[in-house]
Protein backbone atom coordinates (compact mmCIF):
# COMPACT_ATOMS: atom_id res chain seq x y z
CA UNK A 1 -22.00 5.95 25.74
CA UNK A 2 -22.27 9.52 27.06
CA UNK A 3 -21.40 11.24 23.79
CA UNK A 4 -23.70 11.09 20.80
CA UNK A 5 -22.70 8.81 17.98
CA UNK A 6 -22.27 10.29 14.46
CA UNK A 7 -24.61 8.86 11.87
CA UNK A 8 -24.06 7.94 8.25
CA UNK A 9 -25.92 10.38 6.02
CA UNK A 10 -27.53 8.10 3.42
CA UNK A 11 -30.09 10.71 2.31
CA UNK A 12 -28.00 11.80 -0.66
CA UNK A 13 -28.12 8.25 -2.05
CA UNK A 14 -24.35 7.95 -2.27
CA UNK A 15 -21.23 9.40 -0.70
CA UNK A 16 -19.49 12.51 -1.95
CA UNK A 17 -15.96 11.22 -2.56
CA UNK A 18 -16.12 9.20 0.64
CA UNK A 19 -16.40 12.31 2.80
CA UNK A 20 -18.96 10.77 5.11
CA UNK A 21 -18.94 11.37 8.80
CA UNK A 22 -18.97 7.84 10.16
CA UNK A 23 -17.97 6.45 13.48
CA UNK A 24 -14.74 4.48 13.23
CA UNK A 25 -13.63 2.07 15.94
CA UNK A 26 -15.92 3.52 18.59
CA UNK A 27 -14.63 7.09 18.74
CA UNK A 28 -12.82 7.99 15.53
CA UNK A 29 -14.55 9.61 12.56
CA UNK A 30 -13.56 9.43 8.93
CA UNK A 31 -11.26 12.36 8.17
CA UNK A 32 -12.86 15.43 6.57
CA UNK A 33 -11.44 16.73 3.31
CA UNK A 34 -8.96 19.18 4.86
CA UNK A 35 -7.56 16.56 7.23
CA UNK A 36 -7.27 13.97 4.44
CA UNK A 37 -5.44 16.44 2.21
CA UNK A 38 -3.11 17.37 5.06
CA UNK A 39 -2.39 13.68 5.74
CA UNK A 40 -1.74 13.04 2.06
CA UNK A 41 0.70 15.98 1.89
CA UNK A 42 2.48 14.79 5.03
CA UNK A 43 2.82 11.24 3.73
CA UNK A 44 4.12 12.44 0.38
CA UNK A 45 6.76 14.47 2.19
CA UNK A 46 7.61 11.41 4.28
CA UNK A 47 8.04 9.38 1.09
CA UNK A 48 10.42 12.02 -0.27
CA UNK A 49 12.42 12.08 2.97
CA UNK A 50 12.69 8.29 3.10
CA UNK A 51 13.66 8.14 -0.58
CA UNK A 52 16.33 10.77 -0.03
CA UNK A 53 17.61 8.88 3.02
CA UNK A 54 17.82 5.65 1.01
CA UNK A 55 19.74 7.47 -1.73
CA UNK A 56 22.20 8.91 0.79
CA UNK A 57 22.54 5.51 2.43
CA UNK A 58 23.16 3.91 -0.95
CA UNK A 59 25.85 6.46 -1.86
CA UNK A 60 27.59 6.41 1.52
CA UNK A 61 27.63 2.61 1.84
CA UNK A 62 28.41 1.56 -1.72
CA UNK A 63 31.82 0.21 -0.72
CA UNK A 64 30.26 -2.19 1.79
CA UNK A 65 27.30 -3.21 -0.39
CA UNK A 66 26.74 -6.90 -0.87
CA UNK A 67 23.65 -6.90 -3.08
CA UNK A 68 21.28 -4.54 -4.86
CA UNK A 69 18.00 -5.90 -6.29
CA UNK A 70 15.36 -4.28 -8.47
CA UNK A 71 12.22 -6.08 -9.66
CA UNK A 72 8.95 -5.71 -11.55
CA UNK A 73 5.97 -7.90 -10.68
CA UNK A 74 2.38 -8.75 -11.55
CA UNK A 75 -0.11 -10.21 -9.10
CA UNK A 76 -3.42 -9.74 -7.33
CA UNK A 77 -4.87 -8.71 -3.98
CA UNK A 78 -7.30 -10.45 -1.63
CA UNK A 79 -9.12 -9.29 1.49
CA UNK A 80 -12.15 -9.91 3.64
CA UNK A 81 -15.40 -10.53 1.72
CA UNK A 82 -18.01 -7.77 1.49
CA UNK A 83 -20.21 -9.71 3.90
CA UNK A 84 -17.63 -9.04 6.66
CA UNK A 85 -18.40 -5.31 6.54
CA UNK A 86 -21.17 -3.46 8.37
CA UNK A 87 -24.65 -3.20 6.88
CA UNK A 88 -25.50 0.17 5.35
CA UNK A 89 -28.67 0.27 7.43
CA UNK A 90 -26.70 0.51 10.68
CA UNK A 91 -26.03 3.88 12.30
CA UNK A 92 -22.38 3.10 13.08
CA UNK A 93 -20.09 1.85 10.32
CA UNK A 94 -16.54 0.69 11.00
CA UNK A 95 -16.13 -0.99 7.60
CA UNK A 96 -18.26 -0.55 4.50
CA UNK A 97 -19.45 -3.80 2.84
CA UNK A 98 -16.95 -3.43 0.00
CA UNK A 99 -14.21 -6.01 -0.60
CA UNK A 100 -10.77 -4.97 -1.78
CA UNK A 101 -10.24 -8.36 -3.43
CA UNK A 102 -9.62 -8.84 -7.12
CA UNK A 103 -7.96 -7.13 -10.03
CA UNK A 104 -4.41 -7.16 -11.33
CA UNK A 105 -1.68 -5.31 -9.43
CA UNK A 106 1.64 -4.03 -10.73
CA UNK A 107 4.57 -3.86 -8.31
CA UNK A 108 7.93 -2.10 -8.45
CA UNK A 109 10.38 -3.03 -5.71
CA UNK A 110 13.99 -2.73 -4.71
CA UNK A 111 16.25 -3.67 -1.82
CA UNK A 112 19.76 -2.97 -0.70
CA UNK A 113 21.49 -5.71 1.34
CA UNK A 114 24.54 -5.28 3.51
CA UNK A 115 26.64 -7.95 5.18
CA UNK A 116 24.95 -11.16 6.32
CA UNK A 117 21.95 -10.51 4.09
CA UNK A 118 20.47 -7.73 6.22
CA UNK A 119 19.30 -4.54 4.56
CA UNK A 120 16.46 -2.20 3.64
CA UNK A 121 13.88 -2.19 0.86
CA UNK A 122 10.84 -0.45 -0.52
CA UNK A 123 7.95 -1.32 -2.84
CA UNK A 124 4.98 0.29 -4.57
CA UNK A 125 1.92 -1.65 -5.79
CA UNK A 126 -1.17 -0.34 -7.54
CA UNK A 127 -4.29 -1.74 -9.19
CA UNK A 128 -3.85 -1.77 -12.96
CA UNK A 129 -7.49 -0.94 -13.76
CA UNK A 130 -9.95 1.16 -11.82
CA UNK A 131 -12.71 -0.61 -9.92
CA UNK A 132 -16.21 0.65 -9.07
CA UNK A 133 -17.46 0.57 -5.49
CA UNK A 134 -20.96 -0.09 -4.15
CA UNK A 135 -21.79 3.61 -4.69
CA UNK A 136 -20.74 3.40 -8.37
CA UNK A 137 -17.67 5.56 -7.79
CA UNK A 138 -14.45 4.61 -9.63
CA UNK A 139 -11.46 4.02 -7.39
CA UNK A 140 -7.96 2.53 -7.36
CA UNK A 141 -5.97 1.30 -4.30
CA UNK A 142 -2.21 1.86 -4.06
CA UNK A 143 0.19 0.47 -1.47
CA UNK A 144 3.62 1.81 -0.48
CA UNK A 145 5.90 0.16 2.06
CA UNK A 146 9.37 0.60 3.53
CA UNK A 147 10.93 -2.45 5.11
CA UNK A 148 13.78 -4.07 6.94
CA UNK A 149 14.90 -7.00 4.77
CA UNK A 150 16.66 -10.28 5.53
CA UNK A 151 17.86 -12.28 2.53
CA UNK A 152 19.69 -15.49 3.47
CA UNK A 153 21.23 -17.58 0.70
CA UNK A 154 19.74 -21.09 0.67
CA UNK A 155 21.59 -22.61 -2.28
CA UNK A 156 23.68 -21.19 -5.11
CA UNK A 157 20.52 -20.52 -7.15
CA UNK A 158 17.94 -19.91 -4.40
CA UNK A 159 17.74 -17.01 -1.96
CA UNK A 160 15.00 -16.32 0.59
CA UNK A 161 13.65 -12.87 1.34
CA UNK A 162 11.79 -11.79 4.49
CA UNK A 163 10.42 -8.28 5.01
CA UNK A 164 8.73 -6.25 7.70
CA UNK A 165 7.94 -2.56 7.90
CA UNK A 166 5.43 0.26 7.62
CA UNK A 167 3.75 2.04 4.76
CA UNK A 168 0.59 3.57 3.41
CA UNK A 169 -2.58 2.56 1.62
CA UNK A 170 -3.77 5.34 -0.70
CA UNK A 171 -7.24 4.97 -2.24
CA UNK A 172 -7.86 7.27 -5.20
CA UNK A 173 -11.48 8.16 -5.92
CA UNK A 174 -11.89 9.46 -9.46
CA UNK A 175 -14.15 12.33 -10.50
CA UNK A 176 -15.33 13.60 -13.92
CA UNK A 177 -13.71 16.99 -13.26
CA UNK A 178 -10.27 18.36 -12.40
CA UNK A 179 -9.24 19.83 -9.06
CA UNK A 180 -6.23 22.15 -9.15
CA UNK A 181 -3.82 23.18 -6.42
CA UNK A 182 -0.81 25.45 -6.27
CA UNK A 183 1.63 22.66 -5.47
CA UNK A 184 -0.23 19.54 -6.60
CA UNK A 185 -1.24 20.69 -10.06
CA UNK A 186 -4.52 19.44 -11.53
CA UNK A 187 -5.84 15.95 -10.80
CA UNK A 188 -9.08 14.10 -11.44
CA UNK A 189 -9.13 12.26 -8.10
CA UNK A 190 -9.15 12.72 -4.35
CA UNK A 191 -7.27 10.39 -2.00
CA UNK A 192 -8.04 8.66 1.27
CA UNK A 193 -4.84 7.54 3.02
CA UNK A 194 -4.26 5.07 5.83
CA UNK A 195 -1.12 3.93 7.63
CA UNK A 196 -0.22 0.27 7.24
CA UNK A 197 1.97 -2.36 8.84
CA UNK A 198 3.46 -4.82 6.35
CA UNK A 199 5.07 -8.27 6.49
CA UNK A 200 6.02 -10.42 3.53
CA UNK A 201 8.41 -12.87 2.00
CA UNK A 202 9.44 -14.69 -1.13
CA UNK A 203 11.99 -16.93 -2.80
CA UNK A 204 14.37 -15.78 -5.51
CA UNK A 205 15.13 -18.46 -8.10
CA UNK A 206 18.12 -17.36 -10.19
CA UNK A 207 17.94 -18.37 -13.85
CA UNK A 208 21.31 -16.68 -14.41
CA UNK A 209 23.85 -15.20 -12.02
CA UNK A 210 21.88 -11.94 -12.02
CA UNK A 211 18.31 -12.53 -13.26
CA UNK A 212 15.78 -14.03 -10.86
CA UNK A 213 12.12 -14.99 -10.64
CA UNK A 214 10.51 -14.36 -7.25
CA UNK A 215 7.10 -15.69 -6.14
CA UNK A 216 6.10 -13.70 -3.07
CA UNK A 217 3.29 -13.07 -0.59
CA UNK A 218 2.56 -9.98 1.51
CA UNK A 219 0.10 -9.03 4.23
CA UNK A 220 -1.01 -5.46 4.95
CA UNK A 221 -2.68 -4.44 8.21
CA UNK A 222 -4.48 -1.18 7.46
CA UNK A 223 -5.41 1.31 10.16
CA UNK A 224 -8.97 2.74 9.98
CA UNK A 225 -9.66 1.03 6.67
CA UNK A 226 -13.30 2.18 6.70
CA UNK A 227 -13.70 2.10 2.91
CA UNK A 228 -13.36 -1.69 2.80
CA UNK A 229 -14.83 -4.64 4.68
CA UNK A 230 -11.83 -5.28 6.94
CA UNK A 231 -8.40 -4.07 8.07
CA UNK A 232 -6.37 -6.72 6.24
CA UNK A 233 -5.24 -7.27 2.64
CA UNK A 234 -2.98 -9.92 1.10
CA UNK A 235 -0.93 -9.44 -2.07
CA UNK A 236 0.37 -12.36 -4.15
CA UNK A 237 2.92 -11.47 -6.82
CA UNK A 238 5.42 -13.03 -9.19
CA UNK A 239 8.33 -10.69 -9.90
CA UNK A 240 11.19 -10.73 -12.37
CA UNK A 241 14.29 -8.95 -11.15
CA UNK A 242 17.96 -8.20 -11.52
CA UNK A 243 20.66 -8.47 -8.84
CA UNK A 244 24.02 -6.78 -8.51
CA UNK A 245 26.08 -8.85 -6.12
CA UNK A 246 29.45 -7.74 -4.76
CA UNK A 247 29.89 -5.41 -7.70
CA UNK A 248 29.69 -1.97 -6.08
């Protein structure tokens, strides 16, 4: 290539909150701190806008609503093994040899279905306990997604659920000190954020007319997921939820 390739600075022995300058996918570099903070602020604003839109949509369409579901779930996450990442001795790193697999994940989700089982939904999942990466830095992944939802009724007590949409992976790297901002307050972590594409599905088994148990599976395709050994993650969850059907 005509341009020089950025190198990983391993002289310090470890990364400073993941703010390494590494080559990503041939020409992209890992975002510096200011860019990462700007991206995080933008995504948070996007989350607020989408949440406000969903609230307006909920209020304006209540008369036509067919079903509203809310659920709480516990599960785990899998991904490519650490061996699928790039060796630390290489000068160009697209994915660090760190797997995202393992740990318990909590999930909060909700969806709003209109006629014929078509609607919208959103979910948030996060690792219950912090993990420690190969540089001995504590971290915690979080996933947010906003989806189109299709929920066909299979039998009186069974309903399918298919989802597809976009979202964000936010990796929080924890520090032993607080960082304070005018609008963010004081936190003990910095975040690395990546856009995601999400697909998933599950089956709702109704134990009563309103209470359901839903085993589900989800796949996240993460853009520029340099912190982990690959661009893909799978979440497996069992949720317990409550449905309001034809009651609004």
